[in-house]
Protein backbone atom coordinates (compact mmCIF):
# COMPACT_ATOMS: atom_id res chain seq x y z
CA MET A 1 -6.88 7.86 11.56
CA THR A 2 -6.29 4.25 12.54
CA THR A 3 -2.98 3.95 14.38
CA PRO A 4 -0.74 0.88 14.72
CA ALA A 5 -0.53 -1.11 17.93
CA THR A 6 1.73 0.19 20.67
CA ILE A 7 4.83 -1.99 20.77
CA HIS A 8 7.61 -1.88 23.37
CA PHE A 9 11.11 -3.40 23.41
CA ARG A 10 12.43 -4.25 26.86
CA GLU A 11 15.36 -6.01 28.46
CA ILE A 12 14.92 -9.73 29.08
CA ASP A 13 13.53 -10.36 32.56
CA LEU A 14 12.94 -14.09 32.98
CA ASP A 15 11.33 -13.59 36.36
CA ALA A 16 8.53 -11.66 34.67
CA VAL A 17 7.50 -14.52 32.37
CA ALA A 18 5.72 -16.86 34.81
CA PRO A 19 3.38 -14.23 36.34
CA PHE A 20 2.65 -12.53 32.99
CA MET A 21 -1.12 -12.24 32.44
CA GLY A 22 -2.21 -12.47 28.80
CA ARG A 23 -0.48 -14.33 25.97
CA VAL A 24 3.13 -15.40 25.56
CA ALA A 25 4.79 -16.10 22.22
CA VAL A 26 8.11 -17.88 21.74
CA LEU A 27 9.97 -17.66 18.43
CA VAL A 28 11.64 -21.02 17.73
CA PRO A 29 13.91 -21.88 14.77
CA ALA A 30 12.81 -24.74 12.52
CA ASN A 31 15.60 -26.96 13.86
CA GLY A 32 13.96 -26.80 17.29
CA ALA A 33 16.94 -25.31 19.11
CA LEU A 34 15.70 -23.44 22.16
CA SER A 35 17.28 -20.16 23.21
CA PRO A 36 18.10 -19.59 26.92
CA THR A 37 14.85 -17.66 27.22
CA ALA A 38 12.87 -20.45 25.56
CA ARG A 39 14.54 -23.03 27.82
CA ARG A 40 13.31 -21.05 30.83
CA VAL A 41 9.79 -21.16 29.42
CA ASP A 42 10.20 -24.90 28.84
CA ARG A 43 11.18 -25.43 32.48
CA LEU A 44 8.25 -23.35 33.66
CA THR A 45 5.86 -25.39 31.53
CA ARG A 46 7.43 -28.70 32.67
CA GLY A 47 8.70 -29.58 29.21
CA ALA A 48 5.52 -28.67 27.29
CA LEU A 49 7.40 -26.29 24.99
CA ALA A 50 10.04 -28.88 24.07
CA ARG A 51 7.36 -31.52 23.43
CA ALA A 52 5.47 -29.09 21.18
CA VAL A 53 8.63 -28.26 19.22
CA ALA A 54 9.41 -31.97 18.78
CA SER A 55 5.90 -32.76 17.54
CA ASP A 56 4.81 -33.53 14.00
CA ALA A 57 2.41 -30.60 14.28
CA PHE A 58 5.30 -28.16 14.73
CA ALA A 59 7.30 -29.78 11.92
CA ALA A 60 4.30 -29.34 9.59
CA LEU A 61 4.04 -25.62 10.22
CA LYS A 62 4.98 -23.17 7.48
CA PRO A 63 7.58 -20.56 8.45
CA GLY A 64 5.77 -17.89 10.42
CA ASP A 65 2.90 -20.11 11.56
CA ALA A 66 2.26 -20.94 15.22
CA LEU A 67 1.26 -23.88 17.35
CA ASP A 68 -0.96 -22.72 20.22
CA LEU A 69 -0.95 -24.26 23.69
CA ALA A 70 -3.95 -23.17 25.74
CA PHE A 71 -3.60 -22.48 29.49
CA PRO A 72 -0.01 -23.75 29.71
CA VAL A 73 0.97 -25.21 33.06
CA GLY A 74 3.45 -23.09 34.99
CA LEU A 75 2.42 -19.81 33.34
CA LYS A 76 -0.31 -17.33 34.21
CA ALA A 77 -0.72 -16.71 30.46
CA ASP A 78 -3.86 -18.11 28.84
CA THR A 79 -2.06 -19.06 25.60
CA LEU A 80 1.49 -19.97 24.62
CA HIS A 81 2.13 -19.36 20.92
CA VAL A 82 5.03 -21.44 19.58
CA VAL A 83 6.05 -19.67 16.37
CA ARG A 84 8.18 -21.51 13.80
CA LEU A 85 10.92 -19.54 12.09
CA GLU A 86 13.67 -20.56 9.74
CA ALA A 87 17.17 -20.24 11.18
CA LYS A 88 17.75 -17.25 8.89
CA PRO A 89 14.25 -16.13 7.92
CA SER A 90 13.67 -13.78 5.03
CA VAL A 91 12.15 -10.37 5.66
CA ALA A 92 8.80 -11.72 4.42
CA GLU A 93 8.96 -14.79 6.69
CA ALA A 94 9.80 -12.73 9.77
CA ARG A 95 6.93 -10.36 9.04
CA ARG A 96 4.61 -13.30 8.44
CA ALA A 97 5.43 -14.53 11.95
CA GLY A 98 4.42 -11.14 13.29
CA GLY A 99 1.27 -11.29 11.20
CA THR A 100 0.38 -14.60 12.83
CA LEU A 101 0.52 -12.93 16.24
CA GLY A 102 -1.34 -9.84 15.03
CA ARG A 103 -4.14 -11.96 13.62
CA VAL A 104 -5.26 -12.96 17.13
CA LYS A 105 -7.60 -10.22 18.35
CA GLY A 106 -8.36 -9.44 21.96
CA THR A 107 -7.53 -7.17 24.83
CA ALA A 108 -4.97 -9.48 26.44
CA ALA A 109 -1.40 -8.21 26.57
CA LEU A 110 1.20 -10.05 24.51
CA LEU A 111 4.75 -10.93 25.50
CA VAL A 112 7.12 -12.09 22.72
CA LEU A 113 10.33 -13.98 23.50
CA GLY A 114 13.22 -15.27 21.38
CA GLY A 115 14.41 -14.42 17.90
CA ALA A 116 17.61 -12.82 16.67
CA GLN A 117 17.95 -9.07 17.03
CA ARG A 118 17.78 -8.43 13.28
CA GLN A 119 14.52 -10.41 13.02
CA ILE A 120 12.58 -8.75 15.80
CA ALA A 121 11.97 -5.42 14.05
CA ASP A 122 10.46 -7.24 11.06
CA VAL A 123 8.33 -9.43 13.32
CA SER A 124 7.05 -6.31 15.06
CA LEU A 125 6.13 -4.68 11.72
CA GLY A 126 4.25 -7.79 10.63
CA LEU A 127 2.34 -7.79 13.91
CA ALA A 128 1.45 -4.11 13.54
CA LEU A 129 0.29 -4.48 9.93
CA ARG A 130 -1.93 -7.51 10.60
CA ASP A 131 -3.45 -5.94 13.71
CA TYR A 132 -5.19 -3.28 11.57
CA ALA A 133 -8.97 -2.91 11.82
CA PHE A 134 -11.14 -0.25 10.17
CA THR A 135 -13.75 0.67 12.78
CA ALA A 136 -14.46 4.33 11.98
CA HIS A 137 -18.13 3.65 11.30
CA LYS A 138 -18.81 1.00 13.96
CA THR A 139 -21.17 2.19 16.67
CA ALA A 140 -19.94 -0.32 19.24
CA VAL A 141 -16.74 0.91 20.87
CA GLU A 142 -14.08 -1.78 20.66
CA LYS A 143 -11.70 -2.25 23.55
CA PRO A 144 -8.08 -1.50 22.65
CA ARG A 145 -5.57 -4.28 22.17
CA GLY A 146 -3.40 -4.99 25.18
CA GLU A 147 0.20 -3.86 25.28
CA VAL A 148 2.69 -5.74 23.08
CA THR A 149 6.15 -6.25 24.56
CA PHE A 150 9.21 -7.84 22.97
CA MET A 151 11.80 -8.98 25.49
CA VAL A 152 15.17 -8.66 23.75
CA SER A 153 18.82 -8.49 24.71
CA ALA A 154 19.43 -5.08 23.10
CA PRO A 155 16.15 -3.14 23.26
CA GLU A 156 17.59 0.21 22.23
CA ALA A 157 19.20 -1.24 19.09
CA VAL A 158 16.01 -3.09 18.14
CA ALA A 159 13.92 0.04 18.75
CA ALA A 160 16.25 1.99 16.46
CA SER A 161 15.74 -0.60 13.71
CA ALA A 162 12.00 -0.63 14.26
CA GLY A 163 11.65 3.16 14.17
CA PRO A 164 11.52 3.50 10.37
CA MET A 165 9.21 0.49 10.25
CA ALA A 166 6.76 2.31 12.49
CA ALA A 167 6.67 5.01 9.83
CA ILE A 168 5.92 2.34 7.22
CA ALA A 169 3.03 1.03 9.32
CA GLU A 170 1.67 4.57 9.62
CA GLY A 171 1.81 4.98 5.85
CA VAL A 172 0.14 1.64 5.19
CA PHE A 173 -2.62 2.39 7.71
CA PHE A 174 -3.19 5.83 6.16
CA THR A 175 -3.58 4.21 2.74
CA ARG A 176 -5.92 1.50 4.05
CA ASP A 177 -8.10 4.04 5.84
CA LEU A 178 -8.46 6.09 2.66
CA VAL A 179 -9.35 3.07 0.52
CA ASN A 180 -11.80 1.70 3.10
CA GLU A 181 -13.69 4.99 3.51
CA PRO A 182 -17.10 5.20 1.81
CA ALA A 183 -17.46 7.77 -0.95
CA ASN A 184 -20.02 9.87 0.94
CA ILE A 185 -17.33 10.48 3.56
CA LEU A 186 -14.21 10.60 1.38
CA THR A 187 -15.27 13.26 -1.09
CA THR A 188 -12.67 15.09 -3.16
CA ASP A 189 -12.81 17.92 -0.62
CA ASP A 190 -12.31 15.57 2.32
CA PHE A 191 -9.51 13.68 0.58
CA ALA A 192 -7.67 16.92 -0.17
CA ALA A 193 -8.14 18.11 3.42
CA ARG A 194 -6.62 14.89 4.82
CA LEU A 195 -3.60 15.35 2.60
CA ALA A 196 -3.29 19.02 3.53
CA ALA A 197 -3.22 17.99 7.20
CA MET A 198 0.12 16.28 6.57
CA GLN A 199 1.69 19.73 6.46
CA GLU A 200 1.85 19.34 10.24
CA LEU A 201 4.38 16.54 9.67
CA GLY A 202 6.61 18.73 7.52
CA LEU A 203 5.23 17.89 4.08
CA ASP A 204 4.66 20.74 1.60
CA VAL A 205 1.10 20.42 0.28
CA GLU A 206 -0.51 22.45 -2.50
CA ILE A 207 -4.08 22.05 -3.76
CA LEU A 208 -4.94 22.99 -7.34
CA GLU A 209 -8.62 23.80 -7.76
CA GLU A 210 -10.73 23.62 -10.93
CA GLY A 211 -9.83 27.17 -11.95
CA ASP A 212 -6.15 26.30 -11.74
CA LEU A 213 -6.69 23.12 -13.76
CA LYS A 214 -8.56 24.98 -16.48
CA ALA A 215 -5.75 27.53 -16.71
CA LEU A 216 -3.27 24.67 -17.10
CA GLY A 217 -5.35 23.13 -19.89
CA MET A 218 -6.18 19.87 -18.11
CA GLY A 219 -9.19 19.10 -20.30
CA ALA A 220 -8.80 15.33 -20.03
CA LEU A 221 -8.96 15.37 -16.22
CA LEU A 222 -11.72 17.97 -16.00
CA GLY A 223 -13.87 16.03 -18.46
CA VAL A 224 -13.99 13.07 -16.07
CA GLY A 225 -15.52 15.09 -13.25
CA GLN A 226 -17.85 17.41 -15.17
CA GLY A 227 -20.91 15.29 -14.34
CA SER A 228 -20.35 15.44 -10.59
CA ASP A 229 -21.08 18.10 -8.00
CA ALA A 230 -17.75 17.22 -6.35
CA PRO A 231 -14.99 19.59 -7.45
CA THR A 232 -12.03 18.10 -9.32
CA LYS A 233 -8.65 18.75 -7.70
CA VAL A 234 -4.97 17.97 -8.00
CA VAL A 235 -2.97 17.75 -4.78
CA VAL A 236 0.81 18.18 -4.92
CA MET A 237 2.85 16.87 -1.97
CA GLN A 238 6.57 17.61 -1.78
CA TRP A 239 9.14 16.11 0.57
CA HIS A 240 12.52 17.86 0.52
CA GLY A 241 14.79 15.47 2.39
CA GLY A 242 17.58 15.14 -0.15
CA THR A 243 20.10 17.48 -1.70
CA PRO A 244 18.60 21.01 -1.81
CA GLY A 245 17.52 21.89 -5.33
CA ALA A 246 18.07 18.38 -6.73
CA ALA A 247 15.36 17.02 -9.03
CA PRO A 248 12.80 14.86 -7.21
CA PHE A 249 11.47 11.41 -7.97
CA ALA A 250 7.75 11.61 -8.82
CA LEU A 251 4.82 9.44 -7.75
CA VAL A 252 1.45 9.98 -9.43
CA GLY A 253 -1.85 8.45 -8.29
CA LYS A 254 -5.36 8.03 -9.65
CA GLY A 255 -7.91 9.31 -7.14
CA VAL A 256 -11.42 8.60 -8.43
CA THR A 257 -13.34 8.80 -5.16
CA PHE A 258 -16.26 6.93 -6.73
CA ASP A 259 -16.56 5.46 -10.19
CA THR A 260 -20.04 4.78 -11.53
CA GLY A 261 -18.58 4.47 -15.00
CA GLY A 262 -20.26 7.73 -15.95
CA ILE A 263 -22.62 7.53 -18.94
CA SER A 264 -21.00 4.15 -19.74
CA ILE A 265 -22.44 3.08 -16.41
CA LYS A 266 -21.24 -0.04 -14.64
CA PRO A 267 -23.54 -2.95 -13.67
CA ALA A 268 -25.06 -2.60 -10.21
CA GLY A 269 -23.47 -5.80 -8.90
CA GLY A 270 -20.20 -4.95 -7.19
CA MET A 271 -20.42 -1.22 -7.83
CA GLU A 272 -20.14 -0.64 -4.09
CA ASP A 273 -16.48 -1.62 -4.37
CA MET A 274 -15.81 1.40 -6.57
CA THR A 275 -15.10 3.37 -3.42
CA MET A 276 -11.60 1.88 -3.87
CA ASP A 277 -11.00 3.49 -7.27
CA MET A 278 -8.84 6.08 -5.55
CA GLY A 279 -6.40 3.39 -4.43
CA GLY A 280 -3.53 4.77 -6.50
CA ALA A 281 -3.84 8.20 -4.91
CA ALA A 282 -4.15 6.59 -1.47
CA THR A 283 -0.92 4.66 -1.98
CA VAL A 284 0.95 7.77 -3.10
CA ALA A 285 -0.36 9.55 0.01
CA GLY A 286 0.73 6.68 2.24
CA VAL A 287 4.22 6.63 0.76
CA MET A 288 4.57 10.40 1.23
CA ARG A 289 3.46 10.03 4.86
CA THR A 290 6.03 7.31 5.46
CA LEU A 291 8.85 9.29 3.84
CA THR A 292 7.98 12.33 5.92
CA MET A 293 7.70 10.46 9.21
CA ARG A 294 11.01 8.64 8.79
CA LYS A 295 12.74 11.81 7.46
CA ALA A 296 13.85 10.12 4.25
CA LYS A 297 17.02 11.55 2.72
CA ALA A 298 15.40 12.00 -0.67
CA ASN A 299 13.49 14.56 -2.71
CA VAL A 300 10.12 13.09 -3.69
CA VAL A 301 6.98 14.68 -5.08
CA GLY A 302 3.60 12.98 -4.95
CA LEU A 303 0.77 14.18 -7.18
CA VAL A 304 -2.80 12.89 -7.08
CA GLY A 305 -5.78 13.73 -9.24
CA LEU A 306 -9.03 13.71 -7.26
CA VAL A 307 -12.33 13.40 -9.12
CA GLU A 308 -15.73 11.69 -9.01
CA ASN A 309 -17.08 9.98 -12.14
CA MET A 310 -20.87 10.42 -12.17
CA PRO A 311 -23.64 10.38 -14.79
CA SER A 312 -25.75 13.53 -15.09
CA GLY A 313 -27.02 16.04 -17.62
CA SER A 314 -23.58 17.63 -17.67
CA ALA A 315 -21.56 14.41 -17.76
CA GLN A 316 -19.04 13.56 -20.44
CA ARG A 317 -20.52 11.44 -23.23
CA PRO A 318 -19.10 8.61 -25.33
CA GLY A 319 -17.95 10.25 -28.55
CA ASP A 320 -16.83 13.50 -26.93
CA VAL A 321 -13.38 14.84 -27.76
CA VAL A 322 -11.25 16.41 -25.02
CA LYS A 323 -7.89 18.17 -25.19
CA SER A 324 -5.16 17.17 -22.78
CA MET A 325 -2.65 19.46 -21.10
CA LYS A 326 -0.03 18.07 -23.46
CA GLY A 327 -2.14 19.30 -26.38
CA ASP A 328 -3.19 15.92 -27.75
CA THR A 329 -6.88 15.35 -28.43
CA ILE A 330 -8.67 12.25 -27.14
CA GLU A 331 -11.90 10.72 -28.40
CA VAL A 332 -13.73 9.35 -25.37
CA ILE A 333 -15.16 6.03 -26.51
CA ASN A 334 -15.95 4.75 -23.02
CA THR A 335 -16.46 7.06 -20.04
CA ASP A 336 -15.61 4.15 -17.74
CA ALA A 337 -12.02 4.32 -18.99
CA GLU A 338 -11.62 7.53 -17.02
CA GLY A 339 -8.53 6.82 -14.95
CA ARG A 340 -6.20 7.07 -17.91
CA LEU A 341 -7.69 10.48 -18.79
CA LEU A 342 -6.95 11.71 -15.27
CA LEU A 343 -3.43 10.31 -15.32
CA ALA A 344 -2.64 11.76 -18.76
CA ASP A 345 -2.89 15.30 -17.47
CA VAL A 346 -1.34 14.73 -14.04
CA LEU A 347 1.60 12.81 -15.51
CA TRP A 348 2.27 15.59 -18.00
CA TYR A 349 2.02 18.24 -15.29
CA ALA A 350 4.41 16.30 -13.03
CA GLN A 351 7.03 16.13 -15.77
CA THR A 352 6.73 19.70 -17.05
CA ARG A 353 6.76 21.30 -13.61
CA PHE A 354 9.29 19.14 -11.74
CA ASN A 355 11.45 17.49 -14.43
CA PRO A 356 11.79 14.45 -12.14
CA THR A 357 14.49 11.81 -12.25
CA GLY A 358 11.78 9.21 -12.84
CA VAL A 359 8.03 8.71 -12.58
CA ILE A 360 5.91 5.89 -11.19
CA ASN A 361 2.14 6.08 -11.42
CA LEU A 362 -0.34 3.86 -9.62
CA ALA A 363 -3.97 3.24 -10.51
CA THR A 364 -6.80 0.78 -10.08
CA LEU A 365 -6.94 1.05 -13.84
CA THR A 366 -8.34 -2.07 -15.50
CA GLY A 367 -10.35 -5.18 -14.77
CA ALA A 368 -8.24 -6.79 -17.48
CA ILE A 369 -5.21 -6.93 -15.19
CA ILE A 370 -7.24 -9.01 -12.72
CA VAL A 371 -8.09 -11.45 -15.51
CA ALA A 372 -4.40 -11.68 -16.35
CA LEU A 373 -2.81 -11.81 -12.88
CA GLY A 374 -5.59 -12.40 -10.38
CA HIS A 375 -5.25 -10.76 -6.98
CA GLU A 376 -1.72 -11.97 -6.23
CA ASN A 377 0.27 -9.57 -8.40
CA THR A 378 0.18 -5.97 -9.54
CA GLY A 379 0.79 -5.46 -13.24
CA VAL A 380 4.01 -3.55 -13.93
CA PHE A 381 4.53 -1.73 -17.24
CA SER A 382 7.66 0.25 -18.01
CA ASN A 383 9.78 1.96 -20.66
CA ASN A 384 12.96 1.58 -18.60
CA ASP A 385 14.53 -1.73 -17.60
CA ALA A 386 16.67 -0.26 -14.83
CA LEU A 387 13.77 1.42 -13.03
CA CYS A 388 11.47 -1.54 -13.60
CA ASN A 389 14.00 -4.05 -12.28
CA ALA A 390 14.73 -1.87 -9.26
CA PHE A 391 11.03 -1.74 -8.45
CA LEU A 392 10.52 -5.48 -8.94
CA LYS A 393 13.47 -6.13 -6.61
CA ALA A 394 12.02 -3.79 -3.98
CA ALA A 395 8.58 -5.42 -4.25
CA ALA A 396 10.08 -8.92 -3.94
CA THR A 397 12.09 -7.90 -0.86
CA GLU A 398 8.95 -6.54 0.77
CA GLY A 399 6.84 -9.55 -0.23
CA GLU A 400 4.46 -7.52 -2.39
CA GLY A 401 3.53 -9.39 -5.57
CA ALA A 402 4.40 -7.67 -8.86
CA TRP A 403 4.79 -8.96 -12.41
CA ARG A 404 6.13 -7.17 -15.48
CA MET A 405 3.77 -7.07 -18.46
CA PRO A 406 4.69 -6.55 -22.13
CA MET A 407 4.23 -3.40 -24.19
CA GLY A 408 4.65 -2.75 -27.91
CA ASP A 409 3.66 -0.82 -31.02
CA ALA A 410 1.01 -3.36 -32.06
CA TYR A 411 -0.96 -2.57 -28.91
CA ASP A 412 -0.42 1.15 -29.38
CA ALA A 413 -1.93 1.03 -32.87
CA LYS A 414 -5.27 0.00 -31.40
CA LEU A 415 -5.70 3.53 -29.97
CA LYS A 416 -5.98 5.16 -33.42
CA SER A 417 -9.02 7.44 -33.71
CA ARG A 418 -10.88 8.56 -36.82
CA ILE A 419 -11.54 12.07 -35.50
CA ALA A 420 -8.91 12.78 -32.84
CA ASP A 421 -5.28 12.05 -32.03
CA MET A 422 -6.25 8.91 -30.14
CA MET A 423 -9.11 7.01 -28.48
CA ASN A 424 -9.18 6.28 -24.77
CA VAL A 425 -9.78 2.52 -25.33
CA GLY A 426 -8.72 0.02 -27.95
CA GLY A 427 -10.84 -3.09 -27.52
CA ARG A 428 -11.05 -5.86 -24.92
CA ASP A 429 -8.05 -7.92 -26.04
CA GLY A 430 -4.97 -6.85 -24.11
CA GLY A 431 -6.96 -4.16 -22.34
CA ALA A 432 -4.48 -3.60 -19.50
CA ILE A 433 -1.59 -3.30 -21.96
CA ILE A 434 -3.48 -0.90 -24.22
CA ALA A 435 -4.23 1.28 -21.18
CA ALA A 436 -0.49 1.35 -20.41
CA GLN A 437 0.24 2.27 -24.04
CA PHE A 438 -2.19 5.17 -23.68
CA LEU A 439 -0.36 6.43 -20.59
CA GLN A 440 3.02 6.11 -22.27
CA ARG A 441 1.90 8.69 -24.83
CA PHE A 442 2.02 11.21 -21.98
CA ILE A 443 5.53 10.30 -20.86
CA LYS A 444 8.32 12.43 -22.28
CA PRO A 445 11.11 10.77 -24.31
CA ASP A 446 13.90 9.37 -22.11
CA MET A 447 11.84 9.79 -18.91
CA PRO A 448 12.16 6.58 -16.81
CA TRP A 449 8.59 5.49 -16.07
CA CYS A 450 6.62 2.65 -14.55
CA HIS A 451 2.87 2.19 -14.50
CA LEU A 452 1.48 0.00 -11.71
CA ASP A 453 -2.03 -1.36 -12.29
CA ILE A 454 -3.20 -2.20 -8.76
CA ALA A 455 -6.81 -3.06 -9.62
CA GLY A 456 -6.34 -6.59 -8.30
CA THR A 457 -4.21 -5.85 -5.25
CA ALA A 458 -5.56 -2.66 -3.64
CA LEU A 459 -8.56 -4.33 -1.97
CA LEU A 460 -9.19 -8.02 -1.32
CA LYS A 461 -12.20 -10.09 -0.29
CA SER A 462 -10.15 -12.33 2.01
CA ASP A 463 -7.45 -12.04 4.66
CA THR A 464 -3.75 -12.10 3.85
CA ASP A 465 -0.72 -12.72 6.05
CA LEU A 466 -0.38 -9.00 6.81
CA ALA A 467 -3.87 -7.57 6.31
CA PRO A 468 -7.48 -8.35 7.11
CA LYS A 469 -9.92 -8.42 4.20
CA GLY A 470 -10.47 -5.01 2.65
CA ALA A 471 -7.83 -2.45 1.76
CA THR A 472 -4.31 -3.88 1.70
CA GLY A 473 -2.09 -0.81 1.40
CA TRP A 474 -0.23 -2.62 -1.38
CA GLY A 475 2.72 -0.66 -2.70
CA VAL A 476 3.58 1.54 0.28
CA ARG A 477 6.30 -0.85 1.46
CA ALA A 478 7.65 -1.55 -2.02
CA LEU A 479 7.81 2.11 -3.02
CA ASP A 480 9.40 3.13 0.26
CA ARG A 481 12.02 0.43 -0.32
CA LEU A 482 12.54 1.66 -3.89
CA ILE A 483 13.15 5.23 -2.67
CA ARG A 484 15.71 3.89 -0.18
CA ASP A 485 17.44 1.92 -2.93
CA ILE A 486 17.58 4.46 -5.76
CA CYS A 487 17.38 7.84 -4.00
CA GLU A 488 18.99 7.27 -0.61
CA GLY A 489 21.35 4.37 -1.31
């Protein structure tokens, strides 16, 4: 597994700045006021830092961006990064500053100076998240990044604040690794094995095999995978950190390790990206890893359905009728609308077995949500204003884009089937909403529920402030924050 950069917090030692070999970063507020540490750097550089801060170039920087001075006089460092921060930066702005430093690759060590104590932990998390690189299948061995050191006035206090954030970085990296893995490596067996390995961290993990799923009546889920040689599985992960015996909060994820579309096969162009169709399950796994590593004081259960959607002589056909665990029958109009079939059974199982306090499911479910929201926001659908608003608040705090979408009976009516209780699709118009309406049919009355359609946010073709192009790990931070707010608060 990819691991975050090693970051240290140490007491300020101004005598160590001048001979430091590598890169030095100074965090400077937008008003240009230099801290005692920054003033020492300014003296060492014969006023170069103050001139940079007074320049139009610095004034034009966005919060979190940096002005770079190469081979600064008076320092052994090869680069001096002058990072602009607001006087009281938001969590997102502080992390963006860290992302700016993490974006610069290389083996040189990094020394970071300045910044208020409460900001430093967020800066360090941003640096760790942006420093990610997926190199598991590169034959050339990359040299490790040099040591990252923050010189602060209260290193123990900052380290204590940063400890839970290290667990967040671990969870995000775990999610990114899963989403980035090719489907010939990340089979349903391999995926389940990686989740089972988290038992070593203290997580309870149970794997339901096809025989178990048949006994439970999960015909909707099993139908998706019947054309593949890869066995269909459900993995149940339980973290018992809250009141013993108290009902858990439930997270449910779609884990289609590769989606050809089945008999309703997708076009060849872009199909290689369908290795990311297990992004919902990967996010649930990353959240569970984070909760376990930071010893969250909450009871949370994560359930993921793992399946491969392939065309073959035994594959599910358009026009087939399957029976869900709930007992409802579904006419399969399009085998490429498979994620909702998987989720129907896993959502019902989560509710009947655990009677959770609430349920959130995640899935790379529809291309329609990308048409609606692009790649900046996840679509949020919910039957409960309180849960939905709590999630949107958590996502906003963490800087993860999310936007609530409408639901309603008119959309639900489009699922009416001539021969079964419902169809699995209802036309192109409002496709993402209709998919959410389908899922809601498998949510019990009065169960607080949110559906997160992450098709546009799980994997990107370009860099972001906190991630290189590829898997983003979207949702791990927001869901961890939500658990803190509603289960631990």
